[in-house]
């Protein structure tokens, strides 16, 4: 799937190191973008743009 990219947005909740290591082990650095937390105008509104979104039950995402 050459046209697929995973974008991980949010703070490090103790999994960032594991995610980075796994991404490197799988040689997928070009397929995974880790931004950290985004706020205000920098937020990615993927859901509003019709993109698939995977979200946790934290915040308002559970209702969506």
N, C-alpha and C. Protein backbone atom coordinates (compact mmCIF):
# COMPACT_ATOMS: atom_id res chain seq x y z
N UNK A 1 0.84 -1.18 0.00
CA UNK A 1 0.00 0.00 0.00
C UNK A 1 0.89 1.24 0.00
N UNK A 2 1.32 1.62 -1.16
CA UNK A 2 2.24 2.75 -1.28
C UNK A 2 1.60 4.09 -0.97
N UNK A 3 0.29 4.19 -1.03
CA UNK A 3 -0.37 5.47 -0.82
C UNK A 3 -0.93 5.65 0.59
N UNK A 4 -0.48 4.83 1.54
CA UNK A 4 -0.98 4.88 2.91
C UNK A 4 0.11 5.38 3.84
N UNK A 5 -0.29 6.28 4.77
CA UNK A 5 0.64 6.79 5.77
C UNK A 5 -0.10 6.87 7.09
N UNK A 6 0.55 6.44 8.18
CA UNK A 6 -0.01 6.53 9.51
C UNK A 6 0.52 7.80 10.16
N UNK A 7 -0.39 8.64 10.64
CA UNK A 7 -0.01 9.86 11.35
C UNK A 7 -0.46 9.69 12.79
N UNK A 8 0.50 9.75 13.71
CA UNK A 8 0.22 9.59 15.13
C UNK A 8 0.33 10.97 15.77
N UNK A 9 -0.79 11.44 16.35
CA UNK A 9 -0.85 12.76 16.95
C UNK A 9 -1.22 12.63 18.42
N UNK A 10 -0.51 13.33 19.26
CA UNK A 10 -0.83 13.34 20.68
C UNK A 10 0.41 13.30 21.54
N UNK A 11 0.22 13.46 22.84
CA UNK A 11 1.36 13.46 23.75
C UNK A 11 1.93 12.06 23.95
N UNK A 12 3.13 12.00 24.46
CA UNK A 12 3.78 10.72 24.75
C UNK A 12 3.22 10.19 26.06
N UNK A 13 2.45 9.12 25.99
CA UNK A 13 1.90 8.46 27.18
C UNK A 13 2.66 7.18 27.46
N UNK A 14 3.99 7.26 27.37
CA UNK A 14 4.90 6.15 27.65
C UNK A 14 4.99 5.13 26.53
N UNK A 15 4.44 5.40 25.36
CA UNK A 15 4.49 4.46 24.25
C UNK A 15 5.31 4.97 23.07
N UNK A 16 5.72 6.22 23.12
CA UNK A 16 6.42 6.82 21.98
C UNK A 16 7.70 6.06 21.63
N UNK A 17 8.50 5.73 22.62
CA UNK A 17 9.73 4.99 22.38
C UNK A 17 9.47 3.64 21.73
N UNK A 18 8.46 2.95 22.22
CA UNK A 18 8.10 1.65 21.65
C UNK A 18 7.62 1.79 20.21
N UNK A 19 6.82 2.82 19.95
CA UNK A 19 6.33 3.05 18.60
C UNK A 19 7.47 3.38 17.65
N UNK A 20 8.38 4.23 18.09
CA UNK A 20 9.52 4.58 17.25
C UNK A 20 10.40 3.36 16.98
N UNK A 21 10.63 2.54 17.99
CA UNK A 21 11.45 1.33 17.82
C UNK A 21 10.78 0.35 16.86
N UNK A 22 9.48 0.16 17.02
CA UNK A 22 8.75 -0.76 16.15
C UNK A 22 8.76 -0.25 14.70
N UNK A 23 8.56 1.04 14.54
CA UNK A 23 8.59 1.63 13.20
C UNK A 23 9.95 1.40 12.55
N UNK A 24 11.01 1.58 13.32
CA UNK A 24 12.35 1.37 12.79
C UNK A 24 12.61 -0.11 12.50
N UNK A 25 12.21 -1.00 13.43
CA UNK A 25 12.41 -2.44 13.23
C UNK A 25 11.70 -2.94 11.98
N UNK A 26 10.53 -2.39 11.70
CA UNK A 26 9.75 -2.79 10.53
C UNK A 26 10.15 -2.03 9.28
N UNK A 27 11.13 -1.16 9.40
CA UNK A 27 11.60 -0.32 8.28
C UNK A 27 10.45 0.46 7.64
N UNK A 28 9.67 1.09 8.49
CA UNK A 28 8.50 1.82 8.01
C UNK A 28 8.58 3.31 8.34
N UNK A 29 9.78 3.83 8.52
CA UNK A 29 9.94 5.24 8.87
C UNK A 29 9.28 6.16 7.85
N UNK A 30 9.27 5.77 6.59
CA UNK A 30 8.66 6.61 5.55
C UNK A 30 7.14 6.50 5.53
N UNK A 31 6.58 5.57 6.30
CA UNK A 31 5.13 5.36 6.32
C UNK A 31 4.47 5.86 7.60
N UNK A 32 5.27 6.27 8.59
CA UNK A 32 4.73 6.69 9.88
C UNK A 32 5.24 8.10 10.20
N UNK A 33 4.33 9.00 10.51
CA UNK A 33 4.66 10.35 10.92
C UNK A 33 4.17 10.54 12.34
N UNK A 34 5.08 10.85 13.26
CA UNK A 34 4.73 11.09 14.66
C UNK A 34 4.90 12.58 14.91
N UNK A 35 3.79 13.27 15.19
CA UNK A 35 3.84 14.72 15.32
C UNK A 35 3.96 15.19 16.76
N UNK A 36 3.56 14.37 17.72
CA UNK A 36 3.40 14.86 19.08
C UNK A 36 2.06 15.58 19.16
N UNK A 37 1.81 16.31 20.24
CA UNK A 37 0.53 17.00 20.37
C UNK A 37 0.45 18.20 19.43
N UNK A 38 -0.74 18.47 18.93
CA UNK A 38 -0.98 19.63 18.08
C UNK A 38 -2.13 20.43 18.69
N UNK A 39 -2.05 21.74 18.57
CA UNK A 39 -3.06 22.61 19.17
C UNK A 39 -3.46 23.70 18.19
N UNK A 40 -4.65 24.22 18.38
CA UNK A 40 -5.12 25.36 17.59
C UNK A 40 -5.12 25.09 16.10
N UNK A 41 -4.54 26.01 15.34
CA UNK A 41 -4.54 25.89 13.88
C UNK A 41 -3.71 24.73 13.37
N UNK A 42 -2.83 24.20 14.22
CA UNK A 42 -1.97 23.10 13.80
C UNK A 42 -2.65 21.73 13.89
N UNK A 43 -3.81 21.67 14.52
CA UNK A 43 -4.50 20.39 14.66
C UNK A 43 -4.83 19.79 13.30
N UNK A 44 -4.75 18.47 13.23
CA UNK A 44 -5.13 17.78 12.00
C UNK A 44 -6.59 17.38 12.09
N UNK A 45 -7.41 17.86 11.22
CA UNK A 45 -8.84 17.54 11.23
C UNK A 45 -9.13 16.46 10.20
N UNK A 46 -8.49 15.32 10.35
CA UNK A 46 -8.62 14.23 9.39
C UNK A 46 -10.06 13.75 9.28
N UNK A 47 -10.74 13.61 10.41
CA UNK A 47 -12.12 13.11 10.39
C UNK A 47 -13.02 14.04 9.57
N UNK A 48 -12.85 15.34 9.74
CA UNK A 48 -13.66 16.31 9.01
C UNK A 48 -13.36 16.28 7.51
N UNK A 49 -12.18 15.79 7.16
CA UNK A 49 -11.79 15.71 5.74
C UNK A 49 -12.10 14.34 5.14
N UNK A 50 -12.80 13.49 5.89
CA UNK A 50 -13.19 12.19 5.36
C UNK A 50 -12.10 11.14 5.41
N UNK A 51 -11.07 11.36 6.21
CA UNK A 51 -9.99 10.39 6.34
C UNK A 51 -10.29 9.43 7.49
N UNK A 52 -9.85 8.18 7.40
CA UNK A 52 -10.05 7.24 8.50
C UNK A 52 -9.30 7.72 9.74
N UNK A 53 -9.93 7.58 10.90
CA UNK A 53 -9.34 8.02 12.16
C UNK A 53 -9.48 6.92 13.20
N UNK A 54 -8.41 6.66 13.92
CA UNK A 54 -8.43 5.74 15.05
C UNK A 54 -8.18 6.60 16.28
N UNK A 55 -9.11 6.59 17.24
CA UNK A 55 -8.98 7.45 18.42
C UNK A 55 -9.23 6.66 19.69
N UNK A 56 -8.70 7.17 20.79
CA UNK A 56 -8.91 6.53 22.08
C UNK A 56 -10.22 7.04 22.70
N UNK A 57 -10.58 6.51 23.84
CA UNK A 57 -11.80 6.92 24.53
C UNK A 57 -11.59 8.20 25.36
N UNK A 58 -10.43 8.82 25.22
CA UNK A 58 -10.11 10.02 25.99
C UNK A 58 -10.71 11.24 25.29
N UNK A 59 -11.24 12.14 26.08
CA UNK A 59 -11.81 13.38 25.53
C UNK A 59 -13.11 13.13 24.81
N UNK A 60 -13.39 13.95 23.82
CA UNK A 60 -14.65 13.86 23.09
C UNK A 60 -14.70 12.81 22.01
N UNK A 61 -13.60 12.10 21.77
CA UNK A 61 -13.56 11.13 20.69
C UNK A 61 -14.51 9.96 20.89
N UNK A 62 -14.76 9.57 22.11
CA UNK A 62 -15.64 8.42 22.37
C UNK A 62 -17.06 8.68 21.84
N UNK A 63 -17.51 9.91 21.92
CA UNK A 63 -18.85 10.27 21.44
C UNK A 63 -18.94 10.25 19.93
N UNK A 64 -17.84 10.60 19.26
CA UNK A 64 -17.84 10.64 17.80
C UNK A 64 -17.84 9.23 17.26
